[in-house]
Amino acid sequence: MKLNFKKFKKYTKVDRSAFVEVDVRETFADRIYNETGTGIADLKLAEKIYASDENTDFTLEEINRMKKHAEGCIPWFVDGFEQILNNN
């Protein structure tokens, strides 16, 4: 599945009627690296997210790992991440 963390939609209204595009690559990768990750697979995932470009292809295993790491994020990130997954 192709994901774009470089142009991530941050909804600015709970009804999703407005958003801004933000680059969340470093922030999400740092969260995995410093807080929620365990083991080499998460290290490689954090590095891949950090180095990703627009529409980077991620495996189903990587997507499942990201879902786990996104669970404790702030609501706008969780919502935006779910929207990406639902639209692919």
N, C-alpha and C. Protein backbone atom coordinates (compact mmCIF):
# COMPACT_ATOMS: atom_id res chain seq x y z
N MET A 1 0.85 -1.17 0.00
CA MET A 1 0.00 0.00 0.00
C MET A 1 0.89 1.23 0.00
N LYS A 2 0.54 2.19 -0.82
CA LYS A 2 1.31 3.43 -0.91
C LYS A 2 0.76 4.45 0.08
N LEU A 3 1.67 5.02 0.89
CA LEU A 3 1.30 6.04 1.86
C LEU A 3 2.18 7.26 1.66
N ASN A 4 1.62 8.41 2.00
CA ASN A 4 2.34 9.67 1.86
C ASN A 4 2.36 10.40 3.19
N PHE A 5 3.46 10.26 3.93
CA PHE A 5 3.60 10.96 5.21
C PHE A 5 4.18 12.35 5.02
N LYS A 6 4.62 12.64 3.80
CA LYS A 6 5.17 13.97 3.51
C LYS A 6 4.06 15.01 3.35
N LYS A 7 2.94 14.59 2.78
CA LYS A 7 1.78 15.47 2.61
C LYS A 7 0.59 14.84 3.33
N PHE A 8 0.67 14.82 4.63
CA PHE A 8 -0.31 14.19 5.49
C PHE A 8 -1.43 15.18 5.80
N LYS A 9 -2.67 14.75 5.67
CA LYS A 9 -3.79 15.65 5.95
C LYS A 9 -4.01 15.75 7.45
N LYS A 10 -3.86 16.96 7.96
CA LYS A 10 -4.19 17.26 9.35
C LYS A 10 -5.51 18.00 9.33
N TYR A 11 -6.57 17.28 9.71
CA TYR A 11 -7.89 17.91 9.71
C TYR A 11 -7.94 18.93 10.84
N THR A 12 -8.40 20.11 10.50
CA THR A 12 -8.46 21.19 11.48
C THR A 12 -9.86 21.39 12.04
N LYS A 13 -10.78 20.58 11.55
CA LYS A 13 -12.16 20.57 12.08
C LYS A 13 -12.57 19.12 12.25
N VAL A 14 -13.26 18.84 13.32
CA VAL A 14 -13.64 17.47 13.63
C VAL A 14 -14.55 16.86 12.56
N ASP A 15 -15.28 17.69 11.83
CA ASP A 15 -16.14 17.17 10.76
C ASP A 15 -15.37 16.95 9.45
N ARG A 16 -14.06 17.16 9.49
CA ARG A 16 -13.15 16.97 8.36
C ARG A 16 -13.45 17.90 7.18
N SER A 17 -14.06 19.04 7.46
CA SER A 17 -14.38 19.99 6.40
C SER A 17 -13.20 20.89 6.04
N ALA A 18 -12.13 20.84 6.83
CA ALA A 18 -10.95 21.66 6.55
C ALA A 18 -9.71 20.90 7.00
N PHE A 19 -8.62 21.11 6.26
CA PHE A 19 -7.37 20.47 6.64
C PHE A 19 -6.19 21.26 6.10
N VAL A 20 -5.03 20.96 6.64
CA VAL A 20 -3.77 21.46 6.11
C VAL A 20 -2.89 20.24 5.87
N GLU A 21 -1.95 20.37 4.94
CA GLU A 21 -1.02 19.28 4.71
C GLU A 21 0.24 19.52 5.52
N VAL A 22 0.67 18.50 6.25
CA VAL A 22 1.87 18.61 7.08
C VAL A 22 2.78 17.41 6.81
N ASP A 23 4.05 17.61 7.04
CA ASP A 23 5.03 16.54 6.89
C ASP A 23 5.21 15.89 8.26
N VAL A 24 4.76 14.65 8.42
CA VAL A 24 4.83 13.97 9.71
C VAL A 24 5.89 12.86 9.72
N ARG A 25 6.71 12.79 8.69
CA ARG A 25 7.69 11.70 8.60
C ARG A 25 8.60 11.65 9.81
N GLU A 26 9.25 12.75 10.13
CA GLU A 26 10.20 12.74 11.23
C GLU A 26 9.51 12.51 12.57
N THR A 27 8.39 13.15 12.79
CA THR A 27 7.68 13.02 14.05
C THR A 27 7.22 11.59 14.30
N PHE A 28 6.62 10.97 13.28
CA PHE A 28 6.12 9.60 13.44
C PHE A 28 7.30 8.62 13.57
N ALA A 29 8.33 8.82 12.78
CA ALA A 29 9.52 7.95 12.86
C ALA A 29 10.17 8.08 14.24
N ASP A 30 10.27 9.30 14.75
CA ASP A 30 10.85 9.50 16.09
C ASP A 30 10.02 8.83 17.17
N ARG A 31 8.72 8.87 17.04
CA ARG A 31 7.84 8.20 18.02
C ARG A 31 8.14 6.71 18.05
N ILE A 32 8.23 6.11 16.88
CA ILE A 32 8.52 4.67 16.81
C ILE A 32 9.91 4.39 17.38
N TYR A 33 10.88 5.19 16.98
CA TYR A 33 12.27 4.99 17.41
C TYR A 33 12.46 5.20 18.91
N ASN A 34 11.84 6.23 19.47
CA ASN A 34 12.10 6.61 20.86
C ASN A 34 11.09 6.12 21.89
N GLU A 35 9.86 5.83 21.45
CA GLU A 35 8.81 5.56 22.43
C GLU A 35 8.15 4.20 22.30
N THR A 36 7.67 3.85 21.12
CA THR A 36 6.81 2.68 21.01
C THR A 36 7.45 1.48 20.34
N GLY A 37 8.56 1.68 19.68
CA GLY A 37 9.18 0.60 18.93
C GLY A 37 9.95 -0.39 19.79
N THR A 38 10.05 -1.60 19.27
CA THR A 38 10.87 -2.64 19.89
C THR A 38 11.49 -3.47 18.78
N GLY A 39 12.77 -3.67 18.85
CA GLY A 39 13.43 -4.57 17.91
C GLY A 39 13.82 -3.94 16.58
N ILE A 40 14.51 -4.75 15.80
CA ILE A 40 15.07 -4.31 14.52
C ILE A 40 13.99 -3.97 13.50
N ALA A 41 12.88 -4.70 13.51
CA ALA A 41 11.81 -4.42 12.53
C ALA A 41 11.26 -3.01 12.71
N ASP A 42 11.10 -2.59 13.95
CA ASP A 42 10.60 -1.23 14.20
C ASP A 42 11.66 -0.19 13.89
N LEU A 43 12.92 -0.51 14.12
CA LEU A 43 14.00 0.40 13.74
C LEU A 43 13.97 0.62 12.23
N LYS A 44 13.87 -0.45 11.46
CA LYS A 44 13.85 -0.35 9.99
C LYS A 44 12.60 0.40 9.52
N LEU A 45 11.47 0.17 10.20
CA LEU A 45 10.24 0.89 9.84
C LEU A 45 10.40 2.38 10.09
N ALA A 46 10.95 2.75 11.24
CA ALA A 46 11.17 4.17 11.55
C ALA A 46 12.08 4.80 10.50
N GLU A 47 13.14 4.11 10.13
CA GLU A 47 14.06 4.63 9.11
C GLU A 47 13.37 4.77 7.76
N LYS A 48 12.52 3.81 7.42
CA LYS A 48 11.81 3.86 6.13
C LYS A 48 10.83 5.02 6.09
N ILE A 49 10.09 5.23 7.18
CA ILE A 49 9.15 6.35 7.24
C ILE A 49 9.91 7.66 7.13
N TYR A 50 11.01 7.79 7.87
CA TYR A 50 11.80 9.02 7.87
C TYR A 50 12.35 9.33 6.47
N ALA A 51 12.80 8.31 5.77
CA ALA A 51 13.40 8.50 4.44
C ALA A 51 12.37 8.48 3.31
N SER A 52 11.12 8.26 3.65
CA SER A 52 10.10 8.08 2.61
C SER A 52 9.86 9.36 1.82
N ASP A 53 9.36 9.15 0.62
CA ASP A 53 8.98 10.25 -0.25
C ASP A 53 7.48 10.13 -0.47
N GLU A 54 6.94 10.93 -1.32
CA GLU A 54 5.51 10.84 -1.59
C GLU A 54 5.18 9.47 -2.16
N ASN A 55 4.09 8.89 -1.68
CA ASN A 55 3.58 7.61 -2.15
C ASN A 55 4.60 6.48 -2.06
N THR A 56 5.12 6.27 -0.87
CA THR A 56 6.04 5.18 -0.61
C THR A 56 5.24 3.91 -0.35
N ASP A 57 5.70 2.80 -0.90
CA ASP A 57 5.02 1.52 -0.76
C ASP A 57 5.41 0.86 0.56
N PHE A 58 4.41 0.47 1.34
CA PHE A 58 4.61 -0.23 2.60
C PHE A 58 3.90 -1.58 2.54
N THR A 59 4.51 -2.59 3.15
CA THR A 59 3.93 -3.93 3.17
C THR A 59 2.79 -3.99 4.19
N LEU A 60 2.01 -5.05 4.14
CA LEU A 60 0.93 -5.25 5.09
C LEU A 60 1.49 -5.37 6.51
N GLU A 61 2.62 -6.05 6.67
CA GLU A 61 3.25 -6.16 7.98
C GLU A 61 3.64 -4.77 8.52
N GLU A 62 4.20 -3.93 7.65
CA GLU A 62 4.58 -2.58 8.06
C GLU A 62 3.35 -1.76 8.44
N ILE A 63 2.28 -1.90 7.67
CA ILE A 63 1.02 -1.19 7.96
C ILE A 63 0.51 -1.60 9.33
N ASN A 64 0.52 -2.90 9.60
CA ASN A 64 0.03 -3.38 10.90
C ASN A 64 0.89 -2.86 12.04
N ARG A 65 2.19 -2.77 11.84
CA ARG A 65 3.08 -2.21 12.86
C ARG A 65 2.75 -0.73 13.07
N MET A 66 2.53 0.00 11.97
CA MET A 66 2.22 1.43 12.08
C MET A 66 0.91 1.65 12.82
N LYS A 67 -0.08 0.80 12.58
CA LYS A 67 -1.36 0.91 13.29
C LYS A 67 -1.13 0.84 14.80
N LYS A 68 -0.28 -0.09 15.22
CA LYS A 68 0.03 -0.26 16.64
C LYS A 68 0.70 1.00 17.19
N HIS A 69 1.63 1.55 16.44
CA HIS A 69 2.36 2.74 16.90
C HIS A 69 1.49 4.00 16.88
N ALA A 70 0.52 4.04 16.00
CA ALA A 70 -0.34 5.22 15.87
C ALA A 70 -1.41 5.29 16.96
N GLU A 71 -1.70 4.17 17.60
CA GLU A 71 -2.79 4.12 18.58
C GLU A 71 -2.69 5.19 19.66
N GLY A 72 -1.52 5.46 20.16
CA GLY A 72 -1.38 6.42 21.25
C GLY A 72 -1.10 7.84 20.81
N CYS A 73 -1.18 8.09 19.52
CA CYS A 73 -0.90 9.44 19.00
C CYS A 73 -2.08 10.38 19.26
N ILE A 74 -1.83 11.66 19.05
CA ILE A 74 -2.90 12.64 19.25
C ILE A 74 -4.01 12.41 18.22
N PRO A 75 -5.25 12.79 18.55
CA PRO A 75 -6.40 12.45 17.72
C PRO A 75 -6.31 12.84 16.25
N TRP A 76 -5.78 14.03 15.93
CA TRP A 76 -5.76 14.42 14.52
C TRP A 76 -4.86 13.49 13.71
N PHE A 77 -3.79 12.97 14.32
CA PHE A 77 -2.93 12.03 13.60
C PHE A 77 -3.64 10.70 13.40
N VAL A 78 -4.26 10.19 14.45
CA VAL A 78 -4.99 8.92 14.34
C VAL A 78 -6.06 9.02 13.27
N ASP A 79 -6.81 10.11 13.26
CA ASP A 79 -7.87 10.31 12.28
C ASP A 79 -7.30 10.38 10.86
N GLY A 80 -6.25 11.15 10.67
CA GLY A 80 -5.64 11.27 9.36
C GLY A 80 -5.07 9.95 8.86
N PHE A 81 -4.46 9.20 9.77
CA PHE A 81 -3.89 7.89 9.41
C PHE A 81 -5.00 6.92 9.00
N GLU A 82 -6.08 6.90 9.76
CA GLU A 82 -7.22 6.05 9.41
C GLU A 82 -7.81 6.43 8.06
N GLN A 83 -7.87 7.72 7.77
CA GLN A 83 -8.39 8.18 6.49
C GLN A 83 -7.51 7.70 5.33
N ILE A 84 -6.19 7.75 5.53
CA ILE A 84 -5.27 7.25 4.49
C ILE A 84 -5.53 5.77 4.24
N LEU A 85 -5.64 5.00 5.30
CA LEU A 85 -5.83 3.56 5.14
C LEU A 85 -7.17 3.25 4.49
N ASN A 86 -8.21 3.97 4.85
CA ASN A 86 -9.55 3.73 4.30
C ASN A 86 -9.65 4.15 2.83
N ASN A 87 -8.81 5.10 2.41
CA ASN A 87 -8.88 5.59 1.03
C ASN A 87 -7.99 4.80 0.08
N ASN A 88 -7.20 3.87 0.60
CA ASN A 88 -6.33 3.04 -0.26
C ASN A 88 -6.96 1.72 -0.55
